[in-house]
Amino acid sequence: MVRFGLIGKGAISEKHIKAIESIGGNLCDYGCGKEANYTLKNGKKCCSLKFNSCSKIKERNSRSNKGKKLSEQTKQKILEKWKINPPRLGKKHPESTKDLISKSIKNLWLENNSIYHLPEVREKNRLSIIGKTHTKDGDLKISKKLKGKLKSEQHRQNLSISAKKSFENNPVLREDLSNRMKSWQCQYMLKLIKNPSKPELKLRDMVKELFPNCEFQHPILNYAVDIALIQEKIVIEYDGYYHFNCKESIDYGIMRQNRIQNEGWKIIRYTMFDKFPDKEQLQNDIREVLK
């Protein structure tokens, strides 16, 4: 007795079947050699949820269809089917249909008897998504699709709530993201600062003569200070007109100074309303701060 199988173009004998069953016990009935994890509706055991996902079935289909062309009769049948039920190429579903589809998908995931409720299936779907990134063409399509679209207030609120929950439940993520944001903000501000004022350049030259190891636009928290003496932990800044043009700028400057001081830094500040310091005054101010 011979049972027709899926390995090559021949058949599988009973001896071959017994040999396979003796090696692994419950193996896939479609001949791929893997362990059978699911029982299909036809009573056969398979390694996948659908028999079309089995590697041996895929191999057989690729071999059988390789190099073949559709006959005129088959093409005519496909066209007749399309006339009765045309494909929805490029068409969009109405809102009512979208709601029905989303509800049916949610119900599949919520039903206890559904295969999507099984923990191994959920874990498999989760792992299939992790690490995947969009291609350049995919990014361009998404950007064109979302261009000019504004998020609704409800959508923004949902995003803020989900972000807060993730931050509350994961302190490691919170710390990592805050550090990344701080470094990114510092780099972004350093790119914007291209032309410092003439008084600031003059002050830089004076400090450089006294302290050759000083640094300009040094990042502290998410701020970039004008001049920093790192060993002494002293910040020297010069405030021009834009620091006093409105109340918001003044309040921001006070808040910024308090946050930098809380990190253990001492601040020497000169403004456009003060007489510009000479080297002696600068040395005296630094000595007083170091006391």
Protein backbone atom coordinates (compact mmCIF):
# COMPACT_ATOMS: atom_id res chain seq x y z
CA MET A 1 0.00 0.00 0.00
CA VAL A 2 1.29 3.40 -0.95
CA ARG A 3 0.14 6.77 0.32
CA PHE A 4 0.86 9.74 -1.90
CA GLY A 5 2.90 12.37 -0.13
CA LEU A 6 4.41 15.76 -0.72
CA ILE A 7 8.14 14.95 -0.87
CA GLY A 8 9.28 15.41 -4.45
CA LYS A 9 7.11 14.01 -7.23
CA GLY A 10 6.97 10.40 -5.99
CA ALA A 11 5.14 8.66 -3.17
CA ILE A 12 5.91 7.79 0.45
CA SER A 13 5.79 4.11 1.36
CA GLU A 14 4.50 2.70 4.65
CA LYS A 15 8.06 1.92 5.76
CA HIS A 16 9.01 5.55 5.29
CA ILE A 17 5.97 6.69 7.27
CA LYS A 18 6.73 4.28 10.14
CA ALA A 19 10.35 5.48 10.19
CA ILE A 20 9.23 9.11 10.48
CA GLU A 21 6.71 8.32 13.22
CA SER A 22 9.28 6.32 15.18
CA ILE A 23 11.77 9.21 15.16
CA GLY A 24 9.56 12.06 16.39
CA GLY A 25 6.20 10.63 17.36
CA ASN A 26 3.64 13.34 16.48
CA LEU A 27 5.16 14.81 13.32
CA CYS A 28 3.54 17.00 10.71
CA ASP A 29 1.34 14.95 8.37
CA TYR A 30 2.39 17.07 5.37
CA GLY A 31 5.97 15.73 5.37
CA CYS A 32 8.05 18.70 6.47
CA GLY A 33 9.58 16.67 9.35
CA LYS A 34 8.70 19.21 12.06
CA GLU A 35 6.77 18.46 15.22
CA ALA A 36 2.98 18.81 14.88
CA ASN A 37 1.57 21.44 17.25
CA TYR A 38 -1.95 21.84 15.81
CA THR A 39 -4.78 19.60 14.64
CA LEU A 40 -6.63 20.96 11.59
CA LYS A 41 -10.32 20.61 10.73
CA ASN A 42 -9.62 17.76 8.30
CA GLY A 43 -8.14 15.74 11.20
CA LYS A 44 -4.52 16.05 10.05
CA LYS A 45 -1.75 17.27 12.31
CA CYS A 46 0.36 20.19 11.15
CA CYS A 47 3.27 22.30 12.40
CA SER A 48 1.36 25.55 11.60
CA LEU A 49 -2.12 26.91 12.18
CA LYS A 50 -2.79 26.75 8.42
CA PHE A 51 -1.49 24.04 6.12
CA ASN A 52 -0.49 26.70 3.56
CA SER A 53 2.10 27.94 6.07
CA CYS A 54 3.89 24.57 6.16
CA SER A 55 7.32 24.75 4.49
CA LYS A 56 6.71 21.59 2.46
CA ILE A 57 3.42 22.94 1.04
CA LYS A 58 5.15 26.19 0.10
CA GLU A 59 7.95 24.28 -1.61
CA ARG A 60 5.47 22.14 -3.54
CA ASN A 61 3.43 25.13 -4.70
CA SER A 62 6.53 27.04 -5.81
CA ARG A 63 7.75 24.02 -7.84
CA SER A 64 4.36 23.33 -9.42
CA ASN A 65 3.77 26.96 -10.49
CA LYS A 66 7.35 27.74 -11.59
CA GLY A 67 7.51 28.86 -15.23
CA LYS A 68 3.80 28.27 -15.85
CA LYS A 69 1.59 30.79 -17.63
CA LEU A 70 -2.15 31.16 -17.35
CA SER A 71 -4.13 29.86 -20.30
CA GLU A 72 -6.61 32.06 -22.14
CA GLN A 73 -9.47 30.02 -20.68
CA THR A 74 -8.22 30.56 -17.10
CA LYS A 75 -7.77 34.28 -17.75
CA GLN A 76 -11.33 34.49 -19.07
CA LYS A 77 -12.66 32.75 -15.93
CA ILE A 78 -10.78 35.18 -13.67
CA LEU A 79 -12.18 38.17 -15.62
CA GLU A 80 -15.73 36.79 -15.31
CA LYS A 81 -15.26 36.42 -11.53
CA TRP A 82 -13.94 39.98 -11.30
CA LYS A 83 -17.03 41.25 -13.13
CA ILE A 84 -19.28 39.63 -10.53
CA ASN A 85 -17.07 40.48 -7.52
CA PRO A 86 -14.43 43.03 -8.63
CA PRO A 87 -11.28 43.41 -6.50
CA ARG A 88 -11.00 46.52 -4.30
CA LEU A 89 -7.69 47.72 -5.73
CA GLY A 90 -7.05 51.31 -4.62
CA LYS A 91 -10.54 51.63 -3.10
CA LYS A 92 -11.20 52.76 0.45
CA HIS A 93 -13.66 51.26 2.90
CA PRO A 94 -16.41 53.52 4.24
CA GLU A 95 -16.36 54.42 7.94
CA SER A 96 -19.17 51.97 8.77
CA THR A 97 -17.23 49.06 7.21
CA LYS A 98 -14.05 50.11 9.04
CA ASP A 99 -15.93 50.06 12.35
CA LEU A 100 -17.30 46.58 11.66
CA ILE A 101 -13.83 45.27 10.75
CA SER A 102 -12.23 46.74 13.87
CA LYS A 103 -15.01 45.33 16.09
CA SER A 104 -14.67 41.85 14.55
CA ILE A 105 -10.88 41.90 15.08
CA LYS A 106 -11.31 43.03 18.71
CA ASN A 107 -13.88 40.29 19.33
CA LEU A 108 -11.47 37.68 17.93
CA TRP A 109 -8.82 38.76 20.41
CA LEU A 110 -11.28 38.95 23.33
CA GLU A 111 -13.01 35.60 22.80
CA ASN A 112 -11.69 32.89 25.11
CA ASN A 113 -12.28 30.15 22.53
CA SER A 114 -10.34 31.97 19.78
CA ILE A 115 -6.86 30.80 18.82
CA TYR A 116 -5.66 34.41 19.10
CA HIS A 117 -6.36 34.22 22.84
CA LEU A 118 -3.72 31.53 23.32
CA PRO A 119 -0.58 32.90 25.03
CA GLU A 120 1.81 31.22 22.55
CA VAL A 121 0.01 32.82 19.58
CA ARG A 122 0.07 36.26 21.20
CA GLU A 123 3.77 35.88 22.01
CA LYS A 124 4.48 34.79 18.41
CA ASN A 125 2.70 37.87 17.03
CA ARG A 126 4.53 40.15 19.46
CA LEU A 127 7.94 38.71 18.51
CA SER A 128 7.15 39.04 14.80
CA ILE A 129 6.74 42.82 15.23
CA ILE A 130 9.79 43.47 17.44
CA GLY A 131 12.83 44.79 15.59
CA LYS A 132 10.99 45.55 12.33
CA THR A 133 11.59 48.97 10.77
CA HIS A 134 10.08 50.81 7.84
CA THR A 135 11.92 51.02 4.54
CA LYS A 136 12.66 54.41 2.96
CA ASP A 137 9.75 53.98 0.54
CA GLY A 138 7.48 53.06 3.45
CA ASP A 139 8.54 56.16 5.40
CA LEU A 140 7.86 58.36 2.36
CA LYS A 141 4.39 56.85 1.91
CA ILE A 142 3.56 57.38 5.60
CA SER A 143 4.83 60.98 5.55
CA LYS A 144 2.79 61.78 2.42
CA LYS A 145 -0.30 60.17 3.93
CA LEU A 146 -0.01 62.08 7.22
CA LYS A 147 1.11 65.38 5.67
CA GLY A 148 -1.21 68.22 6.69
CA LYS A 149 -3.31 66.03 8.99
CA LEU A 150 -3.90 67.27 12.53
CA LYS A 151 -4.42 65.02 15.51
CA SER A 152 -7.73 65.40 17.33
CA GLU A 153 -7.83 66.47 20.99
CA GLN A 154 -9.07 63.05 22.05
CA HIS A 155 -6.19 61.35 20.20
CA ARG A 156 -3.68 63.69 21.87
CA GLN A 157 -5.16 62.97 25.30
CA ASN A 158 -4.97 59.21 24.69
CA LEU A 159 -1.31 59.53 23.66
CA SER A 160 -0.46 61.56 26.77
CA ILE A 161 -2.27 59.07 29.05
CA SER A 162 -0.45 56.08 27.50
CA ALA A 163 2.90 57.89 27.78
CA LYS A 164 2.29 58.68 31.46
CA LYS A 165 1.35 55.06 32.21
CA SER A 166 4.49 53.74 30.50
CA PHE A 167 6.66 56.20 32.45
CA GLU A 168 5.01 55.35 35.78
CA ASN A 169 5.29 51.59 35.30
CA ASN A 170 8.86 51.58 33.95
CA PRO A 171 11.38 53.78 35.86
CA VAL A 172 14.31 52.46 33.77
CA LEU A 173 12.59 53.66 30.60
CA ARG A 174 11.88 57.03 32.21
CA GLU A 175 15.52 57.56 33.14
CA ASP A 176 16.81 56.41 29.75
CA LEU A 177 14.47 58.66 27.78
CA SER A 178 15.19 61.69 29.99
CA ASN A 179 18.95 61.25 29.47
CA ARG A 180 18.49 60.90 25.72
CA MET A 181 16.28 64.00 25.58
CA LYS A 182 18.79 66.03 27.59
CA SER A 183 21.69 65.12 25.31
CA TRP A 184 19.56 65.73 22.19
CA GLN A 185 18.39 69.14 23.42
CA CYS A 186 21.98 70.20 24.17
CA GLN A 187 23.11 69.18 20.70
CA TYR A 188 20.14 70.97 19.14
CA MET A 189 20.85 74.21 21.02
CA LEU A 190 24.54 74.08 20.13
CA LYS A 191 23.57 73.91 16.45
CA LEU A 192 21.41 77.03 16.81
CA ILE A 193 24.15 79.09 18.50
CA LYS A 194 26.23 80.25 15.52
CA ASN A 195 27.09 83.93 16.09
CA PRO A 196 27.76 84.89 19.74
CA SER A 197 27.65 88.62 20.58
CA LYS A 198 30.79 90.80 20.59
CA PRO A 199 30.80 91.25 24.41
CA GLU A 200 30.57 87.47 24.84
CA LEU A 201 33.50 86.93 22.46
CA LYS A 202 35.52 89.51 24.37
CA LEU A 203 34.67 87.79 27.66
CA ARG A 204 35.68 84.43 26.17
CA ASP A 205 39.13 85.76 25.26
CA MET A 206 39.66 87.13 28.77
CA VAL A 207 38.67 83.87 30.46
CA LYS A 208 40.77 81.86 28.00
CA GLU A 209 43.89 83.81 29.00
CA LEU A 210 43.27 83.15 32.70
CA PHE A 211 41.96 79.58 32.36
CA PRO A 212 43.15 77.86 29.14
CA ASN A 213 41.12 74.70 29.96
CA CYS A 214 37.76 76.49 29.98
CA GLU A 215 34.99 75.32 27.64
CA PHE A 216 32.46 77.32 25.62
CA GLN A 217 28.81 76.29 25.24
CA HIS A 218 29.29 73.48 27.76
CA PRO A 219 26.14 71.29 28.26
CA ILE A 220 24.65 71.16 31.77
CA LEU A 221 21.33 69.33 32.11
CA ASN A 222 19.47 70.39 28.96
CA TYR A 223 21.14 73.83 28.81
CA ALA A 224 24.30 75.14 27.13
CA VAL A 225 26.19 77.69 29.27
CA ASP A 226 28.40 80.39 27.73
CA ILE A 227 31.67 79.63 29.57
CA ALA A 228 32.40 76.80 32.01
CA LEU A 229 35.38 76.26 34.31
CA ILE A 230 34.93 72.51 34.77
CA GLN A 231 37.51 71.87 37.49
CA GLU A 232 36.29 74.82 39.61
CA LYS A 233 32.58 74.15 38.67
CA ILE A 234 32.04 77.82 37.81
CA VAL A 235 29.76 79.13 35.05
CA ILE A 236 30.40 82.59 33.52
CA GLU A 237 27.64 84.05 31.37
CA TYR A 238 26.88 87.30 29.58
CA ASP A 239 23.20 88.28 29.15
CA GLY A 240 22.25 90.46 26.22
CA TYR A 241 18.98 92.14 25.26
CA TYR A 242 17.03 88.95 24.45
CA HIS A 243 17.32 87.87 28.13
CA PHE A 244 15.22 90.90 29.22
CA ASN A 245 12.85 91.53 26.29
CA CYS A 246 9.79 90.09 28.14
CA LYS A 247 8.70 88.70 31.49
CA GLU A 248 8.79 85.10 30.18
CA SER A 249 12.49 85.46 29.28
CA ILE A 250 13.29 86.82 32.75
CA ASP A 251 11.37 84.00 34.49
CA TYR A 252 13.04 81.42 32.27
CA GLY A 253 16.49 82.83 33.15
CA ILE A 254 15.75 82.60 36.89
CA MET A 255 14.47 79.03 36.60
CA ARG A 256 17.48 78.04 34.48
CA GLN A 257 19.94 79.52 36.97
CA ASN A 258 18.29 77.77 39.93
CA ARG A 259 18.42 74.40 38.19
CA ILE A 260 22.10 74.80 37.29
CA GLN A 261 22.96 75.87 40.87
CA ASN A 262 21.14 72.81 42.23
CA GLU A 263 23.61 70.69 40.26
CA GLY A 264 26.49 72.18 42.32
CA TRP A 265 27.64 74.90 39.89
CA LYS A 266 28.45 78.51 40.92
CA ILE A 267 27.40 81.24 38.50
CA ILE A 268 29.02 84.59 37.67
CA ARG A 269 26.69 86.67 35.50
CA TYR A 270 27.35 89.91 33.62
CA THR A 271 24.57 91.79 31.82
CA MET A 272 24.27 94.55 29.23
CA PHE A 273 23.26 96.97 32.02
CA ASP A 274 26.55 96.49 33.91
CA LYS A 275 29.92 98.00 33.11
CA PHE A 276 31.95 95.46 31.14
CA PRO A 277 34.51 93.86 33.49
CA ASP A 278 38.27 93.98 33.03
CA LYS A 279 40.72 91.18 33.90
CA GLU A 280 41.20 92.34 37.49
CA GLN A 281 37.47 92.45 38.22
CA LEU A 282 37.02 89.04 36.59
CA GLN A 283 39.78 87.54 38.76
CA ASN A 284 38.29 89.10 41.91
CA ASP A 285 34.81 87.77 41.09
CA ILE A 286 36.17 84.25 40.58
CA ARG A 287 38.10 84.43 43.89
CA GLU A 288 35.00 85.52 45.78
CA VAL A 289 32.98 82.66 44.33
CA LEU A 290 35.68 80.12 45.24
CA LYS A 291 35.76 81.22 48.89
